[in-house]
Amino acid sequence: MPDRFRALADPTRREILRLLGEGDLTAGEIAEHFEMTFPSVSHHLSILKSAGLITDEREGQFIRYHLDATVIEELIGKLYDLIDPGRSR
C-alpha cells in the first residue's frame, strides 16, 4: 500500500490517473498532455503500473493504458479509514 500512496504523491501521476479516468490512452496520447520528454512520461507510467494503479494491454505496436478503478476505490476506503476509523463499511 505505501507504494500506491507514494505513486499518488506526484502531481504528474495524479494528472495521468485523471486522464485515464476519462478513458484508455496510449503512452503517446498521454504524453501529448505534458511538456516533458517521452521517457519521463514512460517513467511515470512505470511507477503507476508497479503500484497497481494502472494496467496495460498491447494493441499492435501500441500499448494502451487503463485505470484500475478497483484499486482506486480501495485507496479511497483506506483514506476514509484514516479520517474516520469507526465508520461502517
C-alpha atoms as a PDB file:
ATOM      1  CA  MET A   1       0.000   0.000   0.000  1.00  0.00           C
ATOM      2  CA  PRO A   2       2.772   2.566   0.713  1.00  0.00           C
ATOM      3  CA  ASP A   3       3.945   2.304  -2.918  1.00  0.00           C
ATOM      4  CA  ARG A   4       0.490   3.340  -4.039  1.00  0.00           C
ATOM      5  CA  PHE A   5       0.483   6.405  -1.839  1.00  0.00           C
ATOM      6  CA  ARG A   6       3.997   7.319  -2.997  1.00  0.00           C
ATOM      7  CA  ALA A   7       2.845   6.974  -6.599  1.00  0.00           C
ATOM      8  CA  LEU A   8      -0.052   9.323  -5.870  1.00  0.00           C
ATOM      9  CA  ALA A   9       2.223  11.901  -4.232  1.00  0.00           C
ATOM     10  CA  ASP A  10       3.376  13.219  -7.615  1.00  0.00           C
ATOM     11  CA  PRO A  11       1.059  15.721  -9.347  1.00  0.00           C
ATOM     12  CA  THR A  12       2.006  14.458 -12.815  1.00  0.00           C
ATOM     13  CA  ARG A  13       0.986  10.922 -11.905  1.00  0.00           C
ATOM     14  CA  ARG A  14      -2.281  12.175 -10.421  1.00  0.00           C
ATOM     15  CA  GLU A  15      -2.957  14.007 -13.684  1.00  0.00           C
ATOM     16  CA  ILE A  16      -2.209  10.826 -15.653  1.00  0.00           C
ATOM     17  CA  LEU A  17      -4.731   8.978 -13.482  1.00  0.00           C
ATOM     18  CA  ARG A  18      -7.288  11.732 -14.087  1.00  0.00           C
ATOM     19  CA  LEU A  19      -6.750  11.435 -17.843  1.00  0.00           C
ATOM     20  CA  LEU A  20      -7.117   7.661 -17.702  1.00  0.00           C
ATOM     21  CA  GLY A  21     -10.289   8.127 -15.670  1.00  0.00           C
ATOM     22  CA  GLU A  22     -11.768   9.684 -18.805  1.00  0.00           C
ATOM     23  CA  GLY A  23     -10.777   6.699 -20.945  1.00  0.00           C
ATOM     24  CA  ASP A  24      -7.958   4.429 -22.008  1.00  0.00           C
ATOM     25  CA  LEU A  25      -4.959   6.059 -23.693  1.00  0.00           C
ATOM     26  CA  THR A  26      -1.656   5.115 -25.275  1.00  0.00           C
ATOM     27  CA  ALA A  27       1.589   6.499 -23.870  1.00  0.00           C
ATOM     28  CA  GLY A  28       1.798   8.876 -26.832  1.00  0.00           C
ATOM     29  CA  GLU A  29      -1.703  10.187 -26.184  1.00  0.00           C
ATOM     30  CA  ILE A  30      -0.827  10.725 -22.540  1.00  0.00           C
ATOM     31  CA  ALA A  31       2.448  12.463 -23.459  1.00  0.00           C
ATOM     32  CA  GLU A  32       0.533  14.998 -25.580  1.00  0.00           C
ATOM     33  CA  HIS A  33      -0.872  16.469 -22.335  1.00  0.00           C
ATOM     34  CA  PHE A  34       2.532  17.213 -20.806  1.00  0.00           C
ATOM     35  CA  GLU A  35       5.577  19.274 -21.604  1.00  0.00           C
ATOM     36  CA  MET A  36       8.136  16.611 -20.771  1.00  0.00           C
ATOM     37  CA  THR A  37      10.116  14.010 -22.635  1.00  0.00           C
ATOM     38  CA  PHE A  38       8.517  10.742 -23.657  1.00  0.00           C
ATOM     39  CA  PRO A  39      10.955   8.792 -21.417  1.00  0.00           C
ATOM     40  CA  SER A  40       9.755  10.885 -18.451  1.00  0.00           C
ATOM     41  CA  VAL A  41       6.134  10.008 -19.214  1.00  0.00           C
ATOM     42  CA  SER A  42       7.115   6.347 -19.545  1.00  0.00           C
ATOM     43  CA  HIS A  43       8.826   6.536 -16.152  1.00  0.00           C
ATOM     44  CA  HIS A  44       5.638   7.877 -14.545  1.00  0.00           C
ATOM     45  CA  LEU A  45       3.585   5.150 -16.243  1.00  0.00           C
ATOM     46  CA  SER A  46       6.006   2.531 -14.957  1.00  0.00           C
ATOM     47  CA  ILE A  47       5.621   3.781 -11.376  1.00  0.00           C
ATOM     48  CA  LEU A  48       1.830   3.790 -11.665  1.00  0.00           C
ATOM     49  CA  LYS A  49       1.867   0.290 -13.133  1.00  0.00           C
ATOM     50  CA  SER A  50       4.226  -1.006 -10.413  1.00  0.00           C
ATOM     51  CA  ALA A  51       1.891   0.443  -7.786  1.00  0.00           C
ATOM     52  CA  GLY A  52      -1.014  -1.430  -9.389  1.00  0.00           C
ATOM     53  CA  LEU A  53      -2.930   1.742 -10.192  1.00  0.00           C
ATOM     54  CA  ILE A  54      -2.958   1.166 -13.945  1.00  0.00           C
ATOM     55  CA  THR A  55      -2.755  -1.802 -16.275  1.00  0.00           C
ATOM     56  CA  ASP A  56      -1.699  -2.019 -19.879  1.00  0.00           C
ATOM     57  CA  GLU A  57      -2.628  -4.010 -22.940  1.00  0.00           C
ATOM     58  CA  ARG A  58      -0.734  -4.307 -26.190  1.00  0.00           C
ATOM     59  CA  GLU A  59      -2.653  -3.285 -29.299  1.00  0.00           C
ATOM     60  CA  GLY A  60      -0.422  -3.926 -32.283  1.00  0.00           C
ATOM     61  CA  GLN A  61       2.599  -1.669 -31.934  1.00  0.00           C
ATOM     62  CA  PHE A  62       0.966   0.436 -29.191  1.00  0.00           C
ATOM     63  CA  ILE A  63       0.361  -0.142 -25.504  1.00  0.00           C
ATOM     64  CA  ARG A  64      -2.968   1.123 -24.203  1.00  0.00           C
ATOM     65  CA  TYR A  65      -3.148   2.064 -20.515  1.00  0.00           C
ATOM     66  CA  HIS A  66      -6.214   1.561 -18.300  1.00  0.00           C
ATOM     67  CA  LEU A  67      -7.068   2.935 -14.873  1.00  0.00           C
ATOM     68  CA  ASP A  68      -7.654   0.163 -12.319  1.00  0.00           C
ATOM     69  CA  ALA A  69     -10.730   1.657 -10.659  1.00  0.00           C
ATOM     70  CA  THR A  70     -10.946  -1.187  -8.116  1.00  0.00           C
ATOM     71  CA  VAL A  71      -7.568  -0.249  -6.663  1.00  0.00           C
ATOM     72  CA  ILE A  72      -8.510   3.443  -6.608  1.00  0.00           C
ATOM     73  CA  GLU A  73     -11.711   2.587  -4.711  1.00  0.00           C
ATOM     74  CA  GLU A  74      -9.663   0.559  -2.217  1.00  0.00           C
ATOM     75  CA  LEU A  75      -7.328   3.523  -1.683  1.00  0.00           C
ATOM     76  CA  ILE A  76     -10.261   5.857  -1.108  1.00  0.00           C
ATOM     77  CA  GLY A  77     -11.556   3.416   1.504  1.00  0.00           C
ATOM     78  CA  LYS A  78      -8.163   3.435   3.243  1.00  0.00           C
ATOM     79  CA  LEU A  79      -8.167   7.234   3.250  1.00  0.00           C
ATOM     80  CA  TYR A  80     -11.644   7.288   4.786  1.00  0.00           C
ATOM     81  CA  ASP A  81     -10.420   4.861   7.459  1.00  0.00           C
ATOM     82  CA  LEU A  82      -7.658   7.333   8.323  1.00  0.00           C
ATOM     83  CA  ILE A  83     -10.170  10.171   8.625  1.00  0.00           C
ATOM     84  CA  ASP A  84     -12.903   8.227  10.423  1.00  0.00           C
ATOM     85  CA  PRO A  85     -11.633   4.876  11.772  1.00  0.00           C
ATOM     86  CA  GLY A  86     -15.043   3.982  13.240  1.00  0.00           C
ATOM     87  CA  ARG A  87     -17.063   4.406  10.067  1.00  0.00           C
ATOM     88  CA  SER A  88     -19.236   1.495   8.971  1.00  0.00           C
ATOM     89  CA  ARG A  89     -18.476  -0.189   5.702  1.00  0.00           C
END
